[in-house]
Amino acid sequence: MARPPFPASPMSPPSTPLGGPALPPRPVMPPPMLRRDPGEQRTLVVGRGISVQGTVQDAERLVVEGTVEASMIHATQLSISPGGVFKGEVEVEEAEIAGTIDGTLTARHSLIIRSTGRVLGTARCRRLQVEEGGQITGRMEMISEPGRPDPMPRPAGEVD
């Protein structure tokens, strides 16, 4: 009986499962990018009566009930509660404003301004929903859908 020239590695799988034909190795697929439950997201809550200044890093969800002043924040979700104030620049996927944001807000997906919400400065979003009583003071820019051309620019002050 002939012996193989090299012993099989203890880490290598058997060449034939239970005496059957050899199977090709399975490709290792990375886990799918799933949207995590809000309870599992890295969340920063700035409570009522709390003021924060500076840089926020690695927060997926930012909830502002107090006051936040920041130069630039990247997150997945921004929620400003009634009475909450955000001053600065923020870029998120989704934003819900029931308090005040003063600065520049980019919501790559949707922006919801509740009836008590105020946006001062510049807001950019793909989808916009404003409840009766919600306010936008400043500049509003709509982000076009991928693959669709931007609408024709209009002269300043021209409205439908």
N, C-alpha and C. Protein backbone atom coordinates (compact mmCIF):
# COMPACT_ATOMS: atom_id res chain seq x y z
N MET A 1 0.84 -1.17 0.00
CA MET A 1 0.00 0.00 0.00
C MET A 1 0.88 1.24 0.00
N ALA A 2 0.63 2.14 -0.91
CA ALA A 2 1.44 3.35 -1.05
C ALA A 2 0.98 4.40 -0.06
N ARG A 3 1.91 5.14 0.42
CA ARG A 3 1.63 6.19 1.39
C ARG A 3 1.80 7.54 0.70
N PRO A 4 0.93 8.56 1.00
CA PRO A 4 1.10 9.87 0.36
C PRO A 4 2.43 10.49 0.79
N PRO A 5 3.06 11.30 -0.10
CA PRO A 5 4.37 11.85 0.22
C PRO A 5 4.34 12.82 1.40
N PHE A 6 3.24 13.54 1.63
CA PHE A 6 3.15 14.49 2.74
C PHE A 6 1.91 14.16 3.55
N PRO A 7 2.02 14.23 4.87
CA PRO A 7 0.83 13.97 5.67
C PRO A 7 -0.17 15.10 5.49
N ALA A 8 -1.44 14.76 5.60
CA ALA A 8 -2.51 15.76 5.49
C ALA A 8 -2.45 16.68 6.68
N SER A 9 -2.69 17.96 6.44
CA SER A 9 -2.70 18.94 7.52
C SER A 9 -3.93 18.71 8.39
N PRO A 10 -3.78 18.86 9.72
CA PRO A 10 -4.96 18.67 10.58
C PRO A 10 -6.02 19.74 10.33
N MET A 11 -5.66 20.89 9.70
CA MET A 11 -6.61 21.97 9.45
C MET A 11 -7.32 21.81 8.11
N SER A 12 -6.79 20.95 7.22
CA SER A 12 -7.43 20.83 5.91
C SER A 12 -8.63 19.90 5.99
N PRO A 13 -9.71 20.22 5.26
CA PRO A 13 -10.89 19.38 5.30
C PRO A 13 -10.63 18.08 4.55
N PRO A 14 -11.35 17.04 4.87
CA PRO A 14 -11.15 15.80 4.13
C PRO A 14 -11.49 16.01 2.67
N SER A 15 -10.78 15.28 1.80
CA SER A 15 -10.97 15.49 0.36
C SER A 15 -12.30 14.93 -0.11
N THR A 16 -12.85 13.95 0.58
CA THR A 16 -14.13 13.40 0.17
C THR A 16 -15.04 13.29 1.38
N PRO A 17 -16.22 13.86 1.32
CA PRO A 17 -17.14 13.76 2.44
C PRO A 17 -17.75 12.36 2.48
N LEU A 18 -17.48 11.65 3.52
CA LEU A 18 -18.05 10.32 3.76
C LEU A 18 -17.91 9.41 2.55
N GLY A 19 -16.73 9.44 1.94
CA GLY A 19 -16.47 8.53 0.83
C GLY A 19 -17.04 8.97 -0.49
N GLY A 20 -17.71 10.12 -0.57
CA GLY A 20 -18.31 10.59 -1.82
C GLY A 20 -17.29 11.35 -2.64
N PRO A 21 -17.72 11.97 -3.73
CA PRO A 21 -16.79 12.71 -4.59
C PRO A 21 -16.30 13.98 -3.89
N ALA A 22 -15.12 14.43 -4.27
CA ALA A 22 -14.54 15.63 -3.66
C ALA A 22 -15.37 16.85 -4.03
N LEU A 23 -15.59 17.74 -3.05
CA LEU A 23 -16.35 18.97 -3.27
C LEU A 23 -15.38 20.14 -3.39
N PRO A 24 -15.68 21.11 -4.25
CA PRO A 24 -14.80 22.27 -4.35
C PRO A 24 -14.94 23.10 -3.06
N PRO A 25 -13.89 23.80 -2.66
CA PRO A 25 -13.99 24.62 -1.45
C PRO A 25 -15.03 25.71 -1.64
N ARG A 26 -15.75 26.02 -0.55
CA ARG A 26 -16.76 27.09 -0.60
C ARG A 26 -16.09 28.44 -0.46
N PRO A 27 -16.50 29.42 -1.27
CA PRO A 27 -15.92 30.74 -1.10
C PRO A 27 -16.42 31.35 0.21
N VAL A 28 -15.55 32.07 0.86
CA VAL A 28 -15.93 32.75 2.10
C VAL A 28 -16.53 34.09 1.72
N MET A 29 -17.78 34.30 2.08
CA MET A 29 -18.49 35.53 1.75
C MET A 29 -18.50 36.43 2.98
N PRO A 30 -18.26 37.72 2.79
CA PRO A 30 -18.35 38.62 3.94
C PRO A 30 -19.80 38.72 4.40
N PRO A 31 -20.01 39.00 5.67
CA PRO A 31 -21.39 39.11 6.15
C PRO A 31 -22.08 40.28 5.46
N PRO A 32 -23.37 40.16 5.17
CA PRO A 32 -24.08 41.25 4.51
C PRO A 32 -24.16 42.46 5.43
N MET A 33 -24.19 43.64 4.81
CA MET A 33 -24.33 44.87 5.58
C MET A 33 -25.81 45.02 5.95
N LEU A 34 -26.10 44.74 7.16
CA LEU A 34 -27.48 44.83 7.62
C LEU A 34 -27.66 46.09 8.44
N ARG A 35 -28.80 46.67 8.33
CA ARG A 35 -29.12 47.82 9.16
C ARG A 35 -29.43 47.31 10.55
N ARG A 36 -28.70 47.81 11.51
CA ARG A 36 -28.87 47.31 12.87
C ARG A 36 -30.08 47.94 13.53
N ASP A 37 -30.63 47.20 14.44
CA ASP A 37 -31.74 47.66 15.25
C ASP A 37 -31.30 48.91 16.02
N PRO A 38 -32.16 49.94 16.19
CA PRO A 38 -31.74 51.13 16.93
C PRO A 38 -31.17 50.81 18.32
N GLY A 39 -31.63 49.74 18.93
CA GLY A 39 -31.12 49.37 20.25
C GLY A 39 -29.70 48.84 20.18
N GLU A 40 -29.25 48.40 19.00
CA GLU A 40 -27.91 47.86 18.83
C GLU A 40 -26.94 48.89 18.26
N GLN A 41 -27.42 50.05 17.83
CA GLN A 41 -26.55 51.06 17.24
C GLN A 41 -25.77 51.79 18.33
N ARG A 42 -24.58 52.26 17.95
CA ARG A 42 -23.80 53.09 18.86
C ARG A 42 -24.50 54.44 18.92
N THR A 43 -25.14 54.72 20.05
CA THR A 43 -25.99 55.90 20.19
C THR A 43 -25.42 56.85 21.22
N LEU A 44 -25.39 58.14 20.86
CA LEU A 44 -25.01 59.19 21.80
C LEU A 44 -26.25 60.02 22.06
N VAL A 45 -26.65 60.10 23.33
CA VAL A 45 -27.80 60.91 23.72
C VAL A 45 -27.27 62.08 24.56
N VAL A 46 -27.53 63.28 24.09
CA VAL A 46 -27.19 64.48 24.84
C VAL A 46 -28.48 64.93 25.49
N GLY A 47 -28.60 64.67 26.78
CA GLY A 47 -29.85 64.89 27.50
C GLY A 47 -30.21 66.35 27.70
N ARG A 48 -31.46 66.55 28.10
CA ARG A 48 -31.98 67.88 28.38
C ARG A 48 -31.11 68.56 29.44
N GLY A 49 -30.76 69.83 29.18
CA GLY A 49 -29.95 70.58 30.12
C GLY A 49 -28.46 70.33 30.00
N ILE A 50 -28.04 69.47 29.08
CA ILE A 50 -26.62 69.15 28.87
C ILE A 50 -26.12 69.90 27.64
N SER A 51 -24.90 70.46 27.72
CA SER A 51 -24.28 71.12 26.58
C SER A 51 -22.99 70.38 26.26
N VAL A 52 -22.77 70.12 24.96
CA VAL A 52 -21.57 69.44 24.50
C VAL A 52 -20.96 70.26 23.38
N GLN A 53 -19.63 70.48 23.46
CA GLN A 53 -18.90 71.15 22.39
C GLN A 53 -17.76 70.26 21.98
N GLY A 54 -17.45 70.25 20.68
CA GLY A 54 -16.30 69.48 20.23
C GLY A 54 -16.61 68.53 19.12
N THR A 55 -15.90 67.39 19.13
CA THR A 55 -16.00 66.42 18.06
C THR A 55 -16.68 65.15 18.56
N VAL A 56 -17.58 64.63 17.75
CA VAL A 56 -18.22 63.35 18.06
C VAL A 56 -17.76 62.36 17.01
N GLN A 57 -17.21 61.22 17.45
CA GLN A 57 -16.73 60.21 16.51
C GLN A 57 -17.41 58.88 16.78
N ASP A 58 -17.62 58.12 15.72
CA ASP A 58 -18.09 56.75 15.79
C ASP A 58 -19.50 56.58 16.36
N ALA A 59 -20.29 57.64 16.43
CA ALA A 59 -21.68 57.50 16.85
C ALA A 59 -22.51 57.22 15.60
N GLU A 60 -23.30 56.16 15.64
CA GLU A 60 -24.17 55.85 14.50
C GLU A 60 -25.46 56.65 14.61
N ARG A 61 -25.87 56.89 15.81
CA ARG A 61 -27.13 57.60 16.05
C ARG A 61 -26.87 58.69 17.08
N LEU A 62 -27.27 59.91 16.77
CA LEU A 62 -27.10 61.04 17.67
C LEU A 62 -28.48 61.59 18.02
N VAL A 63 -28.77 61.62 19.31
CA VAL A 63 -30.04 62.14 19.80
C VAL A 63 -29.72 63.39 20.62
N VAL A 64 -30.27 64.53 20.20
CA VAL A 64 -29.99 65.80 20.86
C VAL A 64 -31.24 66.28 21.57
N GLU A 65 -31.17 66.27 22.90
CA GLU A 65 -32.24 66.82 23.72
C GLU A 65 -31.78 68.12 24.38
N GLY A 66 -30.46 68.29 24.50
CA GLY A 66 -29.85 69.49 25.06
C GLY A 66 -29.26 70.33 23.94
N THR A 67 -27.95 70.70 24.08
CA THR A 67 -27.29 71.53 23.09
C THR A 67 -25.98 70.88 22.65
N VAL A 68 -25.76 70.83 21.35
CA VAL A 68 -24.51 70.29 20.79
C VAL A 68 -23.95 71.34 19.84
N GLU A 69 -22.65 71.65 20.02
CA GLU A 69 -21.93 72.50 19.08
C GLU A 69 -20.77 71.69 18.56
N ALA A 70 -20.75 71.43 17.25
CA ALA A 70 -19.71 70.58 16.67
C ALA A 70 -19.37 71.06 15.28
N SER A 71 -18.08 70.89 14.90
CA SER A 71 -17.65 71.35 13.59
C SER A 71 -18.11 70.41 12.48
N MET A 72 -18.01 69.09 12.69
CA MET A 72 -18.47 68.14 11.67
C MET A 72 -18.73 66.80 12.32
N ILE A 73 -19.91 66.29 12.10
CA ILE A 73 -20.29 64.98 12.62
C ILE A 73 -20.78 64.14 11.46
N HIS A 74 -20.34 62.89 11.41
CA HIS A 74 -20.84 61.91 10.44
C HIS A 74 -21.54 60.84 11.27
N ALA A 75 -22.77 60.53 10.95
CA ALA A 75 -23.53 59.50 11.65
C ALA A 75 -24.55 58.92 10.68
N THR A 76 -25.27 57.91 11.14
CA THR A 76 -26.32 57.33 10.31
C THR A 76 -27.62 58.08 10.53
N GLN A 77 -27.94 58.37 11.80
CA GLN A 77 -29.20 59.04 12.12
C GLN A 77 -28.97 60.20 13.06
N LEU A 78 -29.74 61.26 12.85
CA LEU A 78 -29.75 62.42 13.74
C LEU A 78 -31.19 62.66 14.15
N SER A 79 -31.38 62.81 15.45
CA SER A 79 -32.71 63.12 15.97
C SER A 79 -32.55 64.28 16.95
N ILE A 80 -33.21 65.39 16.63
CA ILE A 80 -33.19 66.54 17.53
C ILE A 80 -34.58 66.67 18.13
N SER A 81 -34.66 66.48 19.43
CA SER A 81 -35.94 66.50 20.14
C SER A 81 -36.43 67.93 20.33
N PRO A 82 -37.72 68.12 20.64
CA PRO A 82 -38.21 69.47 20.94
C PRO A 82 -37.38 70.08 22.07
N GLY A 83 -36.92 71.30 21.86
CA GLY A 83 -36.07 71.96 22.86
C GLY A 83 -34.59 71.70 22.64
N GLY A 84 -34.24 70.70 21.83
CA GLY A 84 -32.84 70.40 21.53
C GLY A 84 -32.30 71.35 20.48
N VAL A 85 -30.98 71.66 20.59
CA VAL A 85 -30.34 72.59 19.66
C VAL A 85 -29.04 71.97 19.17
N PHE A 86 -28.84 71.98 17.86
CA PHE A 86 -27.58 71.54 17.27
C PHE A 86 -27.03 72.71 16.48
N LYS A 87 -25.76 73.08 16.77
CA LYS A 87 -25.10 74.16 16.03
C LYS A 87 -23.85 73.59 15.40
N GLY A 88 -23.72 73.74 14.08
CA GLY A 88 -22.54 73.25 13.41
C GLY A 88 -22.88 72.56 12.11
N GLU A 89 -22.08 71.54 11.77
CA GLU A 89 -22.25 70.84 10.51
C GLU A 89 -22.39 69.35 10.79
N VAL A 90 -23.38 68.72 10.13
CA VAL A 90 -23.63 67.30 10.33
C VAL A 90 -24.01 66.66 9.01
N GLU A 91 -23.53 65.43 8.80
CA GLU A 91 -23.86 64.66 7.61
C GLU A 91 -24.35 63.29 8.07
N VAL A 92 -25.59 62.95 7.69
CA VAL A 92 -26.23 61.72 8.12
C VAL A 92 -27.00 61.08 6.97
N GLU A 93 -27.48 59.87 7.19
CA GLU A 93 -28.38 59.24 6.22
C GLU A 93 -29.79 59.79 6.40
N GLU A 94 -30.25 59.82 7.64
CA GLU A 94 -31.62 60.26 7.94
C GLU A 94 -31.60 61.23 9.11
N ALA A 95 -32.45 62.25 9.03
CA ALA A 95 -32.54 63.24 10.10
C ALA A 95 -34.00 63.52 10.40
N GLU A 96 -34.28 63.64 11.69
CA GLU A 96 -35.61 64.03 12.15
C GLU A 96 -35.42 65.20 13.10
N ILE A 97 -35.98 66.35 12.72
CA ILE A 97 -35.75 67.59 13.46
C ILE A 97 -37.06 68.03 14.11
N ALA A 98 -37.09 68.00 15.43
CA ALA A 98 -38.23 68.53 16.17
C ALA A 98 -37.78 69.71 17.03
N GLY A 99 -36.46 69.93 17.10
CA GLY A 99 -35.87 71.07 17.80
C GLY A 99 -35.30 72.02 16.77
N THR A 100 -34.08 72.53 17.03
CA THR A 100 -33.47 73.53 16.15
C THR A 100 -32.10 73.06 15.70
N ILE A 101 -31.83 73.22 14.42
CA ILE A 101 -30.48 73.02 13.89
C ILE A 101 -30.06 74.32 13.23
N ASP A 102 -28.88 74.80 13.61
CA ASP A 102 -28.35 76.05 13.09
C ASP A 102 -26.99 75.75 12.48
N GLY A 103 -26.93 75.71 11.15
CA GLY A 103 -25.67 75.37 10.49
C GLY A 103 -25.93 74.68 9.17
N THR A 104 -25.20 73.59 8.92
CA THR A 104 -25.33 72.86 7.67
C THR A 104 -25.69 71.41 7.96
N LEU A 105 -26.77 70.97 7.37
CA LEU A 105 -27.26 69.61 7.54
C LEU A 105 -27.33 68.94 6.17
N THR A 106 -26.68 67.78 6.05
CA THR A 106 -26.80 66.97 4.84
C THR A 106 -27.40 65.64 5.23
N ALA A 107 -28.59 65.36 4.73
CA ALA A 107 -29.26 64.07 4.95
C ALA A 107 -29.27 63.36 3.61
N ARG A 108 -28.39 62.37 3.44
CA ARG A 108 -28.25 61.71 2.14
C ARG A 108 -29.51 60.95 1.73
N HIS A 109 -30.38 60.66 2.66
CA HIS A 109 -31.62 59.96 2.32
C HIS A 109 -32.80 60.86 2.62
N SER A 110 -33.23 60.92 3.87
CA SER A 110 -34.45 61.69 4.16
C SER A 110 -34.28 62.67 5.31
N LEU A 111 -35.02 63.76 5.20
CA LEU A 111 -35.07 64.79 6.22
C LEU A 111 -36.52 65.02 6.58
N ILE A 112 -36.83 64.87 7.86
CA ILE A 112 -38.19 65.12 8.35
C ILE A 112 -38.11 66.28 9.33
N ILE A 113 -38.89 67.32 9.06
CA ILE A 113 -38.95 68.46 9.96
C ILE A 113 -40.33 68.44 10.61
N ARG A 114 -40.34 68.17 11.90
CA ARG A 114 -41.60 68.09 12.64
C ARG A 114 -42.18 69.49 12.85
N SER A 115 -43.40 69.54 13.36
CA SER A 115 -44.11 70.82 13.51
C SER A 115 -43.37 71.80 14.43
N THR A 116 -42.57 71.29 15.36
CA THR A 116 -41.80 72.14 16.27
C THR A 116 -40.37 72.35 15.79
N GLY A 117 -40.02 71.79 14.62
CA GLY A 117 -38.65 71.84 14.13
C GLY A 117 -38.32 73.11 13.38
N ARG A 118 -37.05 73.53 13.51
CA ARG A 118 -36.56 74.70 12.79
C ARG A 118 -35.19 74.38 12.22
N VAL A 119 -35.01 74.65 10.94
CA VAL A 119 -33.72 74.48 10.28
C VAL A 119 -33.26 75.86 9.85
N LEU A 120 -32.12 76.30 10.38
CA LEU A 120 -31.53 77.59 10.06
C LEU A 120 -30.21 77.35 9.37
N GLY A 121 -29.99 77.93 8.20
CA GLY A 121 -28.73 77.72 7.49
C GLY A 121 -28.97 76.98 6.20
N THR A 122 -28.19 75.91 5.98
CA THR A 122 -28.26 75.14 4.74
C THR A 122 -28.67 73.71 5.04
N ALA A 123 -29.64 73.22 4.30
CA ALA A 123 -30.07 71.83 4.43
C ALA A 123 -30.04 71.19 3.06
N ARG A 124 -29.46 69.98 2.99
CA ARG A 124 -29.43 69.20 1.75
C ARG A 124 -30.06 67.85 2.06
N CYS A 125 -30.89 67.36 1.14
CA CYS A 125 -31.49 66.05 1.35
C CYS A 125 -32.00 65.48 0.03
N ARG A 126 -32.28 64.19 0.04
CA ARG A 126 -32.85 63.52 -1.13
C ARG A 126 -34.37 63.57 -1.04
N ARG A 127 -34.91 63.33 0.15
CA ARG A 127 -36.36 63.39 0.38
C ARG A 127 -36.63 64.34 1.53
N LEU A 128 -37.66 65.15 1.40
CA LEU A 128 -38.00 66.15 2.41
C LEU A 128 -39.46 66.02 2.81
N GLN A 129 -39.69 66.04 4.11
CA GLN A 129 -41.05 66.07 4.65
C GLN A 129 -41.09 67.14 5.72
N VAL A 130 -42.02 68.09 5.57
CA VAL A 130 -42.15 69.17 6.54
C VAL A 130 -43.58 69.16 7.06
N GLU A 131 -43.72 68.96 8.36
CA GLU A 131 -45.06 69.02 8.97
C GLU A 131 -45.50 70.47 9.07
N GLU A 132 -46.80 70.68 9.12
CA GLU A 132 -47.33 72.03 9.27
C GLU A 132 -46.76 72.65 10.54
N GLY A 133 -46.18 73.83 10.38
CA GLY A 133 -45.54 74.52 11.51
C GLY A 133 -44.03 74.40 11.48
N GLY A 134 -43.49 73.39 10.78
CA GLY A 134 -42.04 73.25 10.65
C GLY A 134 -41.47 74.40 9.84
N GLN A 135 -40.24 74.82 10.15
CA GLN A 135 -39.67 76.01 9.51
C GLN A 135 -38.31 75.72 8.90
N ILE A 136 -38.08 76.30 7.73
CA ILE A 136 -36.76 76.28 7.09
C ILE A 136 -36.42 77.73 6.78
N THR A 137 -35.31 78.21 7.34
CA THR A 137 -34.86 79.56 7.08
C THR A 137 -33.43 79.46 6.56
N GLY A 138 -33.24 79.82 5.30
CA GLY A 138 -31.91 79.70 4.72
C GLY A 138 -31.99 79.06 3.36
N ARG A 139 -31.08 78.13 3.10
CA ARG A 139 -30.96 77.53 1.77
C ARG A 139 -31.33 76.05 1.84
N MET A 140 -32.15 75.62 0.89
CA MET A 140 -32.57 74.22 0.80
C MET A 140 -32.08 73.68 -0.52
N GLU A 141 -31.35 72.54 -0.50
CA GLU A 141 -30.85 71.92 -1.72
C GLU A 141 -31.33 70.47 -1.75
N MET A 142 -31.86 70.06 -2.88
CA MET A 142 -32.28 68.68 -3.04
C MET A 142 -31.16 67.90 -3.72
N ILE A 143 -30.83 66.74 -3.17
CA ILE A 143 -29.82 65.86 -3.75
C ILE A 143 -30.52 64.99 -4.78
N SER A 144 -29.97 64.94 -6.00
CA SER A 144 -30.64 64.17 -7.05
C SER A 144 -30.44 62.68 -6.84
N GLU A 145 -31.35 61.90 -7.41
CA GLU A 145 -31.25 60.44 -7.36
C GLU A 145 -30.05 60.02 -8.19
N PRO A 146 -29.34 58.95 -7.80
CA PRO A 146 -28.22 58.49 -8.61
C PRO A 146 -28.70 58.11 -10.01
N GLY A 147 -27.95 58.53 -11.02
CA GLY A 147 -28.30 58.19 -12.39
C GLY A 147 -29.29 59.14 -13.03
N ARG A 148 -29.87 60.03 -12.24
CA ARG A 148 -30.81 61.01 -12.80
C ARG A 148 -30.11 62.36 -12.86
N PRO A 149 -30.31 63.09 -13.93
CA PRO A 149 -29.66 64.40 -14.03
C PRO A 149 -30.26 65.37 -13.01
N ASP A 150 -29.43 66.31 -12.59
CA ASP A 150 -29.94 67.36 -11.71
C ASP A 150 -30.93 68.22 -12.48
N PRO A 151 -31.97 68.73 -11.80
CA PRO A 151 -32.90 69.61 -12.49
C PRO A 151 -32.19 70.90 -12.90
N MET A 152 -32.76 71.57 -13.88
CA MET A 152 -32.17 72.81 -14.35
C MET A 152 -32.13 73.83 -13.22
N PRO A 153 -30.98 74.46 -13.00
CA PRO A 153 -30.93 75.49 -11.94
C PRO A 153 -31.79 76.68 -12.30
N ARG A 154 -32.35 77.31 -11.31
CA ARG A 154 -33.19 78.47 -11.51
C ARG A 154 -32.50 79.70 -10.95
N PRO A 155 -32.81 80.84 -11.51
CA PRO A 155 -32.25 82.08 -10.93
C PRO A 155 -32.71 82.23 -9.48
N ALA A 156 -31.87 82.87 -8.68
CA ALA A 156 -32.20 83.07 -7.27
C ALA A 156 -33.52 83.80 -7.13
N GLY A 157 -34.32 83.37 -6.20
CA GLY A 157 -35.60 84.02 -5.92
C GLY A 157 -36.75 83.51 -6.73
N GLU A 158 -36.52 82.70 -7.77
CA GLU A 158 -37.61 82.19 -8.60
C GLU A 158 -38.22 80.97 -7.92
N VAL A 159 -39.55 80.96 -7.77
CA VAL A 159 -40.28 79.90 -7.10
C VAL A 159 -41.41 79.43 -7.99
N ASP A 160 -41.77 78.15 -7.88
CA ASP A 160 -42.92 77.63 -8.65
C ASP A 160 -44.20 78.27 -8.19
